[in-house]
Amino acid sequence: MLSCRELVEFLMDYCDGELPPEQREYFEKHLACCPPCVAYMKTYQQAICLGKSACKDEEQKPPKMPEELVRAIMAARQAK
């Protein structure tokens, strides 16, 4: 059976459906008896979904920051 550390190494391939059947079987056996890994996998999947949704509509870019504000921020950083 896979250890928790080994499971993490295969997590992306598992979620992408790219694990060979034999490895997938070992992976799922581990998940069946390891609630912490199930929780970790769920948070991993949520993070992937959030990342995809954040980048989904690249046309909705934030408004351009006024140049005066950029200069003021840069000057304040340099003063520190």
N, C-alpha and C. Protein backbone atom coordinates (compact mmCIF):
# COMPACT_ATOMS: atom_id res chain seq x y z
N MET A 1 0.84 -1.18 0.00
CA MET A 1 0.00 0.00 0.00
C MET A 1 0.89 1.24 0.00
N LEU A 2 0.40 2.32 -0.59
CA LEU A 2 1.13 3.58 -0.63
C LEU A 2 1.16 4.23 0.75
N SER A 3 2.24 4.94 1.01
CA SER A 3 2.29 5.77 2.22
C SER A 3 1.63 7.10 1.88
N CYS A 4 1.37 7.90 2.91
CA CYS A 4 0.77 9.22 2.69
C CYS A 4 1.69 10.07 1.82
N ARG A 5 2.96 10.01 2.06
CA ARG A 5 3.92 10.79 1.28
C ARG A 5 3.90 10.37 -0.19
N GLU A 6 3.84 9.08 -0.44
CA GLU A 6 3.80 8.59 -1.83
C GLU A 6 2.49 9.01 -2.50
N LEU A 7 1.40 8.98 -1.74
CA LEU A 7 0.11 9.37 -2.29
C LEU A 7 0.17 10.80 -2.82
N VAL A 8 0.79 11.70 -2.07
CA VAL A 8 0.88 13.10 -2.49
C VAL A 8 1.65 13.22 -3.80
N GLU A 9 2.66 12.38 -3.99
CA GLU A 9 3.45 12.43 -5.22
C GLU A 9 2.62 12.08 -6.46
N PHE A 10 1.58 11.28 -6.27
CA PHE A 10 0.75 10.83 -7.39
C PHE A 10 -0.58 11.58 -7.49
N LEU A 11 -0.81 12.53 -6.59
CA LEU A 11 -2.10 13.19 -6.49
C LEU A 11 -2.52 13.88 -7.78
N MET A 12 -1.64 14.64 -8.40
CA MET A 12 -1.99 15.35 -9.62
C MET A 12 -2.37 14.37 -10.73
N ASP A 13 -1.58 13.31 -10.89
CA ASP A 13 -1.90 12.32 -11.93
C ASP A 13 -3.24 11.64 -11.64
N TYR A 14 -3.51 11.36 -10.37
CA TYR A 14 -4.77 10.72 -10.01
C TYR A 14 -5.94 11.64 -10.36
N CYS A 15 -5.85 12.89 -9.94
CA CYS A 15 -6.93 13.84 -10.20
C CYS A 15 -7.14 14.10 -11.69
N ASP A 16 -6.08 14.00 -12.46
CA ASP A 16 -6.17 14.19 -13.91
C ASP A 16 -6.58 12.91 -14.63
N GLY A 17 -6.76 11.81 -13.90
CA GLY A 17 -7.15 10.54 -14.51
C GLY A 17 -6.03 9.89 -15.30
N GLU A 18 -4.77 10.20 -14.93
CA GLU A 18 -3.63 9.71 -15.70
C GLU A 18 -2.85 8.58 -15.02
N LEU A 19 -3.34 8.08 -13.90
CA LEU A 19 -2.65 6.96 -13.26
C LEU A 19 -3.01 5.65 -13.97
N PRO A 20 -2.03 4.81 -14.20
CA PRO A 20 -2.34 3.48 -14.74
C PRO A 20 -3.25 2.73 -13.77
N PRO A 21 -4.06 1.81 -14.26
CA PRO A 21 -5.03 1.10 -13.41
C PRO A 21 -4.43 0.50 -12.13
N GLU A 22 -3.26 -0.11 -12.22
CA GLU A 22 -2.68 -0.75 -11.03
C GLU A 22 -2.32 0.30 -9.97
N GLN A 23 -1.72 1.40 -10.39
CA GLN A 23 -1.37 2.45 -9.44
C GLN A 23 -2.63 3.10 -8.88
N ARG A 24 -3.62 3.27 -9.73
CA ARG A 24 -4.89 3.86 -9.27
C ARG A 24 -5.51 2.98 -8.19
N GLU A 25 -5.42 1.67 -8.34
CA GLU A 25 -5.96 0.74 -7.35
C GLU A 25 -5.26 0.92 -6.01
N TYR A 26 -3.92 1.01 -6.01
CA TYR A 26 -3.18 1.24 -4.77
C TYR A 26 -3.55 2.58 -4.14
N PHE A 27 -3.67 3.57 -4.98
CA PHE A 27 -4.03 4.91 -4.53
C PHE A 27 -5.39 4.89 -3.84
N GLU A 28 -6.37 4.27 -4.46
CA GLU A 28 -7.71 4.23 -3.91
C GLU A 28 -7.80 3.36 -2.65
N LYS A 29 -6.97 2.31 -2.57
CA LYS A 29 -6.93 1.51 -1.35
C LYS A 29 -6.43 2.36 -0.18
N HIS A 30 -5.43 3.18 -0.45
CA HIS A 30 -4.92 4.05 0.60
C HIS A 30 -6.00 5.05 1.03
N LEU A 31 -6.68 5.66 0.05
CA LEU A 31 -7.73 6.61 0.37
C LEU A 31 -8.84 5.97 1.19
N ALA A 32 -9.12 4.71 0.93
CA ALA A 32 -10.19 4.01 1.64
C ALA A 32 -9.93 3.88 3.13
N CYS A 33 -8.67 3.93 3.53
CA CYS A 33 -8.37 3.75 4.95
C CYS A 33 -7.62 4.94 5.56
N CYS A 34 -7.57 6.08 4.87
CA CYS A 34 -6.81 7.22 5.38
C CYS A 34 -7.61 8.52 5.24
N PRO A 35 -8.46 8.82 6.21
CA PRO A 35 -9.24 10.06 6.15
C PRO A 35 -8.40 11.34 5.98
N PRO A 36 -7.21 11.45 6.59
CA PRO A 36 -6.42 12.67 6.35
C PRO A 36 -6.03 12.85 4.88
N CYS A 37 -5.73 11.78 4.19
CA CYS A 37 -5.39 11.89 2.77
C CYS A 37 -6.61 12.24 1.93
N VAL A 38 -7.77 11.73 2.32
CA VAL A 38 -9.01 12.09 1.62
C VAL A 38 -9.25 13.59 1.77
N ALA A 39 -9.08 14.10 2.99
CA ALA A 39 -9.27 15.53 3.24
C ALA A 39 -8.25 16.35 2.45
N TYR A 40 -7.01 15.89 2.41
CA TYR A 40 -5.97 16.59 1.66
C TYR A 40 -6.30 16.63 0.18
N MET A 41 -6.77 15.51 -0.35
CA MET A 41 -7.12 15.44 -1.76
C MET A 41 -8.27 16.40 -2.07
N LYS A 42 -9.26 16.46 -1.19
CA LYS A 42 -10.39 17.36 -1.43
C LYS A 42 -9.94 18.82 -1.44
N THR A 43 -9.06 19.20 -0.53
CA THR A 43 -8.59 20.58 -0.52
C THR A 43 -7.73 20.86 -1.76
N TYR A 44 -6.98 19.86 -2.20
CA TYR A 44 -6.19 20.00 -3.42
C TYR A 44 -7.10 20.25 -4.62
N GLN A 45 -8.16 19.46 -4.71
CA GLN A 45 -9.10 19.61 -5.82
C GLN A 45 -9.81 20.97 -5.77
N GLN A 46 -10.15 21.42 -4.57
CA GLN A 46 -10.78 22.73 -4.42
C GLN A 46 -9.83 23.84 -4.86
N ALA A 47 -8.55 23.71 -4.49
CA ALA A 47 -7.56 24.72 -4.89
C ALA A 47 -7.42 24.77 -6.40
N ILE A 48 -7.41 23.63 -7.04
CA ILE A 48 -7.32 23.58 -8.50
C ILE A 48 -8.55 24.27 -9.12
N CYS A 49 -9.74 23.98 -8.60
CA CYS A 49 -10.95 24.59 -9.13
C CYS A 49 -10.94 26.10 -8.94
N LEU A 50 -10.50 26.56 -7.77
CA LEU A 50 -10.44 27.99 -7.52
C LEU A 50 -9.44 28.67 -8.44
N GLY A 51 -8.30 28.04 -8.64
CA GLY A 51 -7.30 28.60 -9.55
C GLY A 51 -7.81 28.70 -10.97
N LYS A 52 -8.50 27.67 -11.41
CA LYS A 52 -9.06 27.69 -12.77
C LYS A 52 -10.14 28.75 -12.91
N SER A 53 -10.98 28.88 -11.89
CA SER A 53 -12.05 29.88 -11.99
C SER A 53 -11.49 31.30 -11.92
N ALA A 54 -10.40 31.49 -11.20
CA ALA A 54 -9.80 32.82 -11.12
C ALA A 54 -9.20 33.24 -12.46
N CYS A 55 -8.76 32.29 -13.23
CA CYS A 55 -8.11 32.59 -14.52
C CYS A 55 -9.05 32.38 -15.70
N LYS A 56 -10.27 32.01 -15.42
CA LYS A 56 -11.20 31.64 -16.48
C LYS A 56 -11.49 32.78 -17.46
N ASP A 57 -11.72 33.95 -16.95
CA ASP A 57 -12.10 35.04 -17.82
C ASP A 57 -11.01 36.11 -17.82
N GLU A 58 -10.04 35.92 -18.67
CA GLU A 58 -8.92 36.84 -18.71
C GLU A 58 -9.29 38.20 -19.28
N GLU A 59 -10.48 38.30 -19.89
CA GLU A 59 -10.91 39.58 -20.42
C GLU A 59 -11.31 40.55 -19.31
N GLN A 60 -11.66 40.03 -18.16
CA GLN A 60 -12.04 40.87 -17.04
C GLN A 60 -10.81 41.22 -16.21
N LYS A 61 -9.99 42.06 -16.75
CA LYS A 61 -8.79 42.50 -16.06
C LYS A 61 -9.14 43.68 -15.18
N PRO A 62 -8.43 43.82 -14.06
CA PRO A 62 -8.72 44.98 -13.21
C PRO A 62 -8.38 46.26 -13.95
N PRO A 63 -9.01 47.35 -13.58
CA PRO A 63 -8.71 48.61 -14.25
C PRO A 63 -7.25 49.00 -14.05
N LYS A 64 -6.71 49.71 -15.00
CA LYS A 64 -5.32 50.13 -14.93
C LYS A 64 -5.14 51.08 -13.76
N MET A 65 -4.10 50.81 -12.97
CA MET A 65 -3.80 51.64 -11.82
C MET A 65 -3.22 52.98 -12.29
N PRO A 66 -3.70 54.08 -11.73
CA PRO A 66 -3.17 55.38 -12.15
C PRO A 66 -1.66 55.47 -11.92
N GLU A 67 -0.96 56.03 -12.89
CA GLU A 67 0.50 56.14 -12.83
C GLU A 67 0.96 56.90 -11.60
N GLU A 68 0.20 57.89 -11.21
CA GLU A 68 0.56 58.67 -10.02
C GLU A 68 0.56 57.80 -8.77
N LEU A 69 -0.40 56.90 -8.67
CA LEU A 69 -0.47 55.99 -7.53
C LEU A 69 0.70 55.01 -7.54
N VAL A 70 1.04 54.49 -8.72
CA VAL A 70 2.18 53.58 -8.84
C VAL A 70 3.46 54.27 -8.37
N ARG A 71 3.67 55.51 -8.82
CA ARG A 71 4.88 56.26 -8.41
C ARG A 71 4.91 56.48 -6.91
N ALA A 72 3.77 56.80 -6.31
CA ALA A 72 3.70 57.03 -4.86
C ALA A 72 4.02 55.76 -4.09
N ILE A 73 3.52 54.63 -4.56
CA ILE A 73 3.80 53.35 -3.90
C ILE A 73 5.28 53.02 -4.02
N MET A 74 5.84 53.19 -5.20
CA MET A 74 7.27 52.90 -5.41
C MET A 74 8.13 53.80 -4.54
N ALA A 75 7.77 55.09 -4.44
CA ALA A 75 8.55 56.02 -3.61
C ALA A 75 8.47 55.63 -2.15
N ALA A 76 7.31 55.23 -1.70
CA ALA A 76 7.15 54.81 -0.30
C ALA A 76 7.97 53.55 0.00
N ARG A 77 8.04 52.63 -0.93
CA ARG A 77 8.83 51.41 -0.74
C ARG A 77 10.32 51.73 -0.68
N GLN A 78 10.76 52.66 -1.51
CA GLN A 78 12.17 53.01 -1.53
C GLN A 78 12.57 53.78 -0.28
N ALA A 79 11.65 54.50 0.31
CA ALA A 79 11.92 55.28 1.51
C ALA A 79 12.15 54.40 2.73
N LYS A 80 11.67 53.20 2.70
CA LYS A 80 11.81 52.28 3.84
C LYS A 80 13.18 51.75 3.97
